[in-house]
Amino acid sequence: MTEVELRLIRTDQPAELVEELWESLDVRERARVAGALPVVRSRFTVVRGVVRRLVAARLGVRPAEVVWRRGRHGKPEPVGAGELRVNWSASEALAVLAITEGRPVGVDVERVPDARAAERMAARWFPFEEARFVAEPARPAERAERFTGLWCRREACVKAYGGRLAQSLGVSVAGPSPLLLADPGPLGEGPVRLCDVPVPGPYRAAVAVLGASPIHVNSLVWHGS
């Protein structure tokens, strides 16, 4: 069994901490939010800065010394990390970071959207059975939640494989969590484990790990250490 270390990160943090985290970002990260709205800059800084802190602690280096390499479609991995694999995702006031040893991992978190938008997106992008599953409930909120859960699973799979979202649109990710996708089709070779992750507030999240063997998700809230 593979342990997945999952950290939930609140991205709205005190200004003093934001400025402290800013100091650990590299030139490329700072350029990403040059000229952005203050709230966007602040949340981005918290996500990238906390990811650096947590990864640096595993590598035994300073946060500013973490260097990222990027895969074919932009998936970041820390340089010189051996078997360490990481992935993260952010949506407004919440971010999640997943860390594993030896098995590629993908994670996604999304804020639950308006039900009408959720149904339109499901009808356009999801396989027929998934779109029907989203449209079934009488309550609009439940339809939106179903859509968001499936979207997070799809994104997590894409990120685990280091692929592109378009490759996943014909692949069904429905079923009780946790689940094993034995044949992910165009996403890549081999099976993938998928698991929904409980998160607070109006959000949904999921994690995916390549390989058939089971996973155990250890989820903790980051409190600033």
C-alpha atoms as a PDB file:
ATOM      1  CA  MET A   1       0.000   0.000   0.000  1.00  0.00           C
ATOM      2  CA  THR A   2       1.216   3.496  -0.890  1.00  0.00           C
ATOM      3  CA  GLU A   3       0.834   6.341   1.587  1.00  0.00           C
ATOM      4  CA  VAL A   4      -0.371   9.635   0.145  1.00  0.00           C
ATOM      5  CA  GLU A   5       0.501  12.608   2.325  1.00  0.00           C
ATOM      6  CA  LEU A   6      -2.159  15.233   1.657  1.00  0.00           C
ATOM      7  CA  ARG A   7      -2.012  18.767   3.035  1.00  0.00           C
ATOM      8  CA  LEU A   8      -4.970  21.162   2.961  1.00  0.00           C
ATOM      9  CA  ILE A   9      -3.811  24.770   2.731  1.00  0.00           C
ATOM     10  CA  ARG A  10      -5.957  27.829   3.395  1.00  0.00           C
ATOM     11  CA  THR A  11      -4.713  30.420   0.915  1.00  0.00           C
ATOM     12  CA  ASP A  12      -6.045  33.477   2.742  1.00  0.00           C
ATOM     13  CA  GLN A  13      -3.240  34.143   5.235  1.00  0.00           C
ATOM     14  CA  PRO A  14      -1.934  37.181   7.200  1.00  0.00           C
ATOM     15  CA  ALA A  15       0.090  39.701   5.211  1.00  0.00           C
ATOM     16  CA  GLU A  16       3.195  39.051   7.294  1.00  0.00           C
ATOM     17  CA  LEU A  17       3.205  35.368   6.347  1.00  0.00           C
ATOM     18  CA  VAL A  18       2.514  36.152   2.699  1.00  0.00           C
ATOM     19  CA  GLU A  19       5.545  38.420   2.505  1.00  0.00           C
ATOM     20  CA  GLU A  20       7.683  35.810   4.240  1.00  0.00           C
ATOM     21  CA  LEU A  21       6.601  33.158   1.738  1.00  0.00           C
ATOM     22  CA  TRP A  22       7.195  35.566  -1.160  1.00  0.00           C
ATOM     23  CA  GLU A  23      10.891  35.622  -0.328  1.00  0.00           C
ATOM     24  CA  SER A  24      11.214  31.909  -1.132  1.00  0.00           C
ATOM     25  CA  LEU A  25       9.674  32.117  -4.623  1.00  0.00           C
ATOM     26  CA  ASP A  26      11.871  32.014  -7.719  1.00  0.00           C
ATOM     27  CA  VAL A  27      11.916  34.542 -10.565  1.00  0.00           C
ATOM     28  CA  ARG A  28       9.528  32.536 -12.718  1.00  0.00           C
ATOM     29  CA  GLU A  29       6.964  32.219  -9.924  1.00  0.00           C
ATOM     30  CA  ARG A  30       7.098  35.923  -9.127  1.00  0.00           C
ATOM     31  CA  ALA A  31       6.653  36.779 -12.796  1.00  0.00           C
ATOM     32  CA  ARG A  32       3.470  34.700 -12.907  1.00  0.00           C
ATOM     33  CA  VAL A  33       1.662  37.227 -10.705  1.00  0.00           C
ATOM     34  CA  ALA A  34       3.338  40.433 -11.811  1.00  0.00           C
ATOM     35  CA  GLY A  35       0.565  43.015 -12.080  1.00  0.00           C
ATOM     36  CA  ALA A  36      -2.098  40.650 -10.686  1.00  0.00           C
ATOM     37  CA  LEU A  37      -4.799  41.754  -8.261  1.00  0.00           C
ATOM     38  CA  PRO A  38      -3.603  41.736  -4.626  1.00  0.00           C
ATOM     39  CA  VAL A  39      -5.813  38.777  -3.657  1.00  0.00           C
ATOM     40  CA  VAL A  40      -4.541  36.741  -6.613  1.00  0.00           C
ATOM     41  CA  ARG A  41      -0.915  37.555  -5.803  1.00  0.00           C
ATOM     42  CA  SER A  42      -1.430  36.740  -2.139  1.00  0.00           C
ATOM     43  CA  ARG A  43      -3.133  33.387  -2.705  1.00  0.00           C
ATOM     44  CA  PHE A  44      -0.612  32.339  -5.341  1.00  0.00           C
ATOM     45  CA  THR A  45       2.231  33.237  -3.018  1.00  0.00           C
ATOM     46  CA  VAL A  46       0.752  31.174  -0.191  1.00  0.00           C
ATOM     47  CA  VAL A  47       0.273  28.123  -2.416  1.00  0.00           C
ATOM     48  CA  ARG A  48       3.741  28.175  -3.952  1.00  0.00           C
ATOM     49  CA  GLY A  49       5.459  29.221  -0.747  1.00  0.00           C
ATOM     50  CA  VAL A  50       3.839  26.517   1.385  1.00  0.00           C
ATOM     51  CA  VAL A  51       4.504  23.865  -1.269  1.00  0.00           C
ATOM     52  CA  ARG A  52       8.162  24.911  -1.197  1.00  0.00           C
ATOM     53  CA  ARG A  53       8.257  24.691   2.611  1.00  0.00           C
ATOM     54  CA  LEU A  54       6.747  21.220   2.742  1.00  0.00           C
ATOM     55  CA  VAL A  55       8.840  19.820  -0.104  1.00  0.00           C
ATOM     56  CA  ALA A  56      12.003  21.439   1.265  1.00  0.00           C
ATOM     57  CA  ALA A  57      11.392  19.773   4.627  1.00  0.00           C
ATOM     58  CA  ARG A  58      11.338  16.389   2.879  1.00  0.00           C
ATOM     59  CA  LEU A  59      14.508  17.163   0.915  1.00  0.00           C
ATOM     60  CA  GLY A  60      16.468  18.742   3.763  1.00  0.00           C
ATOM     61  CA  VAL A  61      17.006  22.057   1.953  1.00  0.00           C
ATOM     62  CA  ARG A  62      15.772  25.632   2.308  1.00  0.00           C
ATOM     63  CA  PRO A  63      12.460  26.474   0.556  1.00  0.00           C
ATOM     64  CA  ALA A  64      14.190  28.867  -1.830  1.00  0.00           C
ATOM     65  CA  GLU A  65      16.546  26.056  -2.897  1.00  0.00           C
ATOM     66  CA  VAL A  66      13.785  23.833  -4.305  1.00  0.00           C
ATOM     67  CA  VAL A  67      14.119  23.701  -8.104  1.00  0.00           C
ATOM     68  CA  TRP A  68      11.344  22.488 -10.375  1.00  0.00           C
ATOM     69  CA  ARG A  69      11.584  20.597 -13.642  1.00  0.00           C
ATOM     70  CA  ARG A  70       8.545  20.366 -15.877  1.00  0.00           C
ATOM     71  CA  GLY A  71       7.210  17.456 -17.889  1.00  0.00           C
ATOM     72  CA  ARG A  72       6.020  17.499 -21.470  1.00  0.00           C
ATOM     73  CA  HIS A  73       2.731  19.182 -20.582  1.00  0.00           C
ATOM     74  CA  GLY A  74       4.027  21.282 -17.708  1.00  0.00           C
ATOM     75  CA  LYS A  75       3.654  18.997 -14.677  1.00  0.00           C
ATOM     76  CA  PRO A  76       6.231  20.149 -12.074  1.00  0.00           C
ATOM     77  CA  GLU A  77       8.489  17.787 -10.105  1.00  0.00           C
ATOM     78  CA  PRO A  78      11.295  18.750  -7.698  1.00  0.00           C
ATOM     79  CA  VAL A  79      14.826  18.267  -9.026  1.00  0.00           C
ATOM     80  CA  GLY A  80      17.045  15.904  -7.031  1.00  0.00           C
ATOM     81  CA  ALA A  81      14.120  14.416  -5.110  1.00  0.00           C
ATOM     82  CA  GLY A  82      14.771  10.742  -5.849  1.00  0.00           C
ATOM     83  CA  GLU A  83      11.519   8.773  -5.489  1.00  0.00           C
ATOM     84  CA  LEU A  84       9.578  11.740  -4.102  1.00  0.00           C
ATOM     85  CA  ARG A  85       6.567  12.689  -6.222  1.00  0.00           C
ATOM     86  CA  VAL A  86       4.415  15.770  -5.640  1.00  0.00           C
ATOM     87  CA  ASN A  87       1.426  17.519  -7.139  1.00  0.00           C
ATOM     88  CA  TRP A  88      -0.807  20.365  -6.022  1.00  0.00           C
ATOM     89  CA  SER A  89      -3.956  22.223  -6.956  1.00  0.00           C
ATOM     90  CA  ALA A  90      -5.656  25.439  -5.838  1.00  0.00           C
ATOM     91  CA  SER A  91      -9.131  26.912  -6.125  1.00  0.00           C
ATOM     92  CA  GLU A  92      -9.734  30.339  -4.625  1.00  0.00           C
ATOM     93  CA  ALA A  93      -9.324  30.049  -0.825  1.00  0.00           C
ATOM     94  CA  LEU A  94      -8.225  26.387  -0.702  1.00  0.00           C
ATOM     95  CA  ALA A  95      -5.228  24.443  -2.007  1.00  0.00           C
ATOM     96  CA  VAL A  96      -4.171  20.814  -1.672  1.00  0.00           C
ATOM     97  CA  LEU A  97      -0.708  19.264  -1.920  1.00  0.00           C
ATOM     98  CA  ALA A  98      -0.173  15.519  -2.435  1.00  0.00           C
ATOM     99  CA  ILE A  99       3.169  13.779  -1.771  1.00  0.00           C
ATOM    100  CA  THR A 100       4.026  10.132  -2.487  1.00  0.00           C
ATOM    101  CA  GLU A 101       7.126   7.962  -2.739  1.00  0.00           C
ATOM    102  CA  GLY A 102       7.784   6.160  -5.998  1.00  0.00           C
ATOM    103  CA  ARG A 103       4.357   6.431  -7.655  1.00  0.00           C
ATOM    104  CA  PRO A 104       3.293   9.456  -9.745  1.00  0.00           C
ATOM    105  CA  VAL A 105       0.447  11.368  -8.148  1.00  0.00           C
ATOM    106  CA  GLY A 106      -2.134  13.893  -9.254  1.00  0.00           C
ATOM    107  CA  VAL A 107      -4.543  15.949  -7.151  1.00  0.00           C
ATOM    108  CA  ASP A 108      -7.299  18.438  -7.892  1.00  0.00           C
ATOM    109  CA  VAL A 109      -9.550  20.726  -5.870  1.00  0.00           C
ATOM    110  CA  GLU A 110     -12.420  22.781  -7.261  1.00  0.00           C
ATOM    111  CA  ARG A 111     -15.042  25.111  -5.876  1.00  0.00           C
ATOM    112  CA  VAL A 112     -18.557  23.802  -6.569  1.00  0.00           C
ATOM    113  CA  PRO A 113     -20.014  25.957  -9.378  1.00  0.00           C
ATOM    114  CA  ASP A 114     -23.531  27.086 -10.185  1.00  0.00           C
ATOM    115  CA  ALA A 115     -25.717  24.078 -11.036  1.00  0.00           C
ATOM    116  CA  ARG A 116     -26.657  25.398 -14.475  1.00  0.00           C
ATOM    117  CA  ALA A 117     -23.019  25.837 -15.426  1.00  0.00           C
ATOM    118  CA  ALA A 118     -22.239  22.371 -14.058  1.00  0.00           C
ATOM    119  CA  GLU A 119     -24.960  20.729 -16.159  1.00  0.00           C
ATOM    120  CA  ARG A 120     -23.863  22.541 -19.317  1.00  0.00           C
ATOM    121  CA  MET A 121     -20.253  21.491 -18.845  1.00  0.00           C
ATOM    122  CA  ALA A 122     -21.207  17.896 -18.052  1.00  0.00           C
ATOM    123  CA  ALA A 123     -23.395  17.673 -21.155  1.00  0.00           C
ATOM    124  CA  ARG A 124     -20.613  19.056 -23.329  1.00  0.00           C
ATOM    125  CA  TRP A 125     -17.544  17.301 -21.947  1.00  0.00           C
ATOM    126  CA  PHE A 126     -18.520  14.160 -20.008  1.00  0.00           C
ATOM    127  CA  PRO A 127     -19.360  10.702 -21.387  1.00  0.00           C
ATOM    128  CA  PHE A 128     -23.119  10.223 -21.761  1.00  0.00           C
ATOM    129  CA  GLU A 129     -23.573   8.114 -18.618  1.00  0.00           C
ATOM    130  CA  GLU A 130     -21.692  10.653 -16.485  1.00  0.00           C
ATOM    131  CA  ALA A 131     -23.702  13.567 -17.891  1.00  0.00           C
ATOM    132  CA  ARG A 132     -26.914  11.685 -17.073  1.00  0.00           C
ATOM    133  CA  PHE A 133     -25.618  10.938 -13.564  1.00  0.00           C
ATOM    134  CA  VAL A 134     -25.017  14.676 -13.028  1.00  0.00           C
ATOM    135  CA  ALA A 135     -28.482  15.622 -14.296  1.00  0.00           C
ATOM    136  CA  GLU A 136     -30.423  13.052 -12.191  1.00  0.00           C
ATOM    137  CA  PRO A 137     -30.873  14.738  -8.765  1.00  0.00           C
ATOM    138  CA  ALA A 138     -33.816  17.037  -8.179  1.00  0.00           C
ATOM    139  CA  ARG A 139     -31.726  19.392  -6.025  1.00  0.00           C
ATOM    140  CA  PRO A 140     -29.552  21.798  -8.067  1.00  0.00           C
ATOM    141  CA  ALA A 141     -26.867  21.752  -5.367  1.00  0.00           C
ATOM    142  CA  GLU A 142     -26.517  17.982  -5.657  1.00  0.00           C
ATOM    143  CA  ARG A 143     -26.184  18.203  -9.434  1.00  0.00           C
ATOM    144  CA  ALA A 144     -23.372  20.734  -9.022  1.00  0.00           C
ATOM    145  CA  GLU A 145     -21.658  18.572  -6.406  1.00  0.00           C
ATOM    146  CA  ARG A 146     -21.798  15.478  -8.617  1.00  0.00           C
ATOM    147  CA  PHE A 147     -20.296  17.394 -11.518  1.00  0.00           C
ATOM    148  CA  THR A 148     -17.502  18.809  -9.383  1.00  0.00           C
ATOM    149  CA  GLY A 149     -16.587  15.431  -7.924  1.00  0.00           C
ATOM    150  CA  LEU A 150     -16.268  13.876 -11.376  1.00  0.00           C
ATOM    151  CA  TRP A 151     -14.329  16.870 -12.686  1.00  0.00           C
ATOM    152  CA  CYS A 152     -11.829  16.623  -9.811  1.00  0.00           C
ATOM    153  CA  ARG A 153     -11.328  12.910 -10.473  1.00  0.00           C
ATOM    154  CA  ARG A 154     -10.710  13.591 -14.151  1.00  0.00           C
ATOM    155  CA  GLU A 155      -8.213  16.371 -13.454  1.00  0.00           C
ATOM    156  CA  ALA A 156      -6.403  14.279 -10.835  1.00  0.00           C
ATOM    157  CA  CYS A 157      -5.969  11.431 -13.343  1.00  0.00           C
ATOM    158  CA  VAL A 158      -4.659  13.784 -16.007  1.00  0.00           C
ATOM    159  CA  LYS A 159      -2.145  15.263 -13.596  1.00  0.00           C
ATOM    160  CA  ALA A 160      -0.995  11.856 -12.338  1.00  0.00           C
ATOM    161  CA  TYR A 161      -0.153  10.880 -15.914  1.00  0.00           C
ATOM    162  CA  GLY A 162       1.271  14.309 -16.727  1.00  0.00           C
ATOM    163  CA  GLY A 163      -1.100  14.553 -19.675  1.00  0.00           C
ATOM    164  CA  ARG A 164      -3.667  16.964 -21.054  1.00  0.00           C
ATOM    165  CA  LEU A 165      -7.308  17.387 -20.093  1.00  0.00           C
ATOM    166  CA  ALA A 166      -8.514  16.630 -23.630  1.00  0.00           C
ATOM    167  CA  GLN A 167      -7.116  13.092 -23.307  1.00  0.00           C
ATOM    168  CA  SER A 168      -9.475  12.357 -20.399  1.00  0.00           C
ATOM    169  CA  LEU A 169     -12.791  13.558 -21.774  1.00  0.00           C
ATOM    170  CA  GLY A 170     -13.862  10.176 -23.149  1.00  0.00           C
ATOM    171  CA  VAL A 171     -12.708   8.225 -20.089  1.00  0.00           C
ATOM    172  CA  SER A 172     -15.313   7.360 -17.451  1.00  0.00           C
ATOM    173  CA  VAL A 173     -14.233   8.088 -13.879  1.00  0.00           C
ATOM    174  CA  ALA A 174     -17.603   7.292 -12.280  1.00  0.00           C
ATOM    175  CA  GLY A 175     -18.140   4.799  -9.473  1.00  0.00           C
ATOM    176  CA  PRO A 176     -17.824   4.505  -5.699  1.00  0.00           C
ATOM    177  CA  SER A 177     -14.643   5.934  -4.169  1.00  0.00           C
ATOM    178  CA  PRO A 178     -12.005   4.579  -3.951  1.00  0.00           C
ATOM    179  CA  LEU A 179     -11.881   2.992  -7.390  1.00  0.00           C
ATOM    180  CA  LEU A 180      -9.420   1.420  -9.803  1.00  0.00           C
ATOM    181  CA  LEU A 181      -9.370   2.424 -13.460  1.00  0.00           C
ATOM    182  CA  ALA A 182      -7.886  -0.671 -15.075  1.00  0.00           C
ATOM    183  CA  ASP A 183      -7.798   0.860 -18.552  1.00  0.00           C
ATOM    184  CA  PRO A 184      -7.488   4.663 -18.642  1.00  0.00           C
ATOM    185  CA  GLY A 185      -7.375   4.602 -22.440  1.00  0.00           C
ATOM    186  CA  PRO A 186      -5.703   7.627 -24.051  1.00  0.00           C
ATOM    187  CA  LEU A 187      -4.433   8.916 -20.709  1.00  0.00           C
ATOM    188  CA  GLY A 188      -1.597   6.389 -20.599  1.00  0.00           C
ATOM    189  CA  GLU A 189      -0.547   2.825 -19.936  1.00  0.00           C
ATOM    190  CA  GLY A 190      -1.431   0.889 -16.825  1.00  0.00           C
ATOM    191  CA  PRO A 191      -4.076   1.302 -14.127  1.00  0.00           C
ATOM    192  CA  VAL A 192      -4.660   4.238 -11.803  1.00  0.00           C
ATOM    193  CA  ARG A 193      -6.117   4.435  -8.287  1.00  0.00           C
ATOM    194  CA  LEU A 194      -8.646   7.209  -7.635  1.00  0.00           C
ATOM    195  CA  CYS A 195      -9.943   8.481  -4.305  1.00  0.00           C
ATOM    196  CA  ASP A 196     -12.262  11.331  -3.340  1.00  0.00           C
ATOM    197  CA  VAL A 197     -10.821  13.542  -0.594  1.00  0.00           C
ATOM    198  CA  PRO A 198     -13.008  15.258   2.030  1.00  0.00           C
ATOM    199  CA  VAL A 199     -12.310  18.998   2.099  1.00  0.00           C
ATOM    200  CA  PRO A 200     -14.020  21.881   3.949  1.00  0.00           C
ATOM    201  CA  GLY A 201     -16.364  24.468   2.559  1.00  0.00           C
ATOM    202  CA  PRO A 202     -17.916  24.586  -0.912  1.00  0.00           C
ATOM    203  CA  TYR A 203     -15.132  22.524  -2.481  1.00  0.00           C
ATOM    204  CA  ARG A 204     -14.539  19.005  -3.761  1.00  0.00           C
ATOM    205  CA  ALA A 205     -11.199  17.228  -4.257  1.00  0.00           C
ATOM    206  CA  ALA A 206      -9.738  13.967  -5.535  1.00  0.00           C
ATOM    207  CA  VAL A 207      -6.341  12.285  -5.712  1.00  0.00           C
ATOM    208  CA  ALA A 208      -5.026   9.791  -8.285  1.00  0.00           C
ATOM    209  CA  VAL A 209      -1.949   7.539  -8.039  1.00  0.00           C
ATOM    210  CA  LEU A 210      -0.584   5.449 -10.909  1.00  0.00           C
ATOM    211  CA  GLY A 211      -0.465   1.695 -10.368  1.00  0.00           C
ATOM    212  CA  ALA A 212      -2.861  -1.013  -9.214  1.00  0.00           C
ATOM    213  CA  SER A 213      -1.842  -1.434  -5.585  1.00  0.00           C
ATOM    214  CA  PRO A 214      -4.059   0.278  -2.972  1.00  0.00           C
ATOM    215  CA  ILE A 215      -3.404   3.729  -1.532  1.00  0.00           C
ATOM    216  CA  HIS A 216      -4.004   5.284   1.870  1.00  0.00           C
ATOM    217  CA  VAL A 217      -4.591   9.028   2.074  1.00  0.00           C
ATOM    218  CA  ASN A 218      -3.341  10.786   5.208  1.00  0.00           C
ATOM    219  CA  SER A 219      -5.019  14.196   5.119  1.00  0.00           C
ATOM    220  CA  LEU A 220      -3.982  17.032   7.431  1.00  0.00           C
ATOM    221  CA  VAL A 221      -4.576  20.775   7.536  1.00  0.00           C
ATOM    222  CA  TRP A 222      -1.468  22.966   7.220  1.00  0.00           C
ATOM    223  CA  HIS A 223      -1.319  25.346  10.188  1.00  0.00           C
ATOM    224  CA  GLY A 224       1.697  27.439   9.329  1.00  0.00           C
ATOM    225  CA  SER A 225       4.623  25.298  10.469  1.00  0.00           C
END
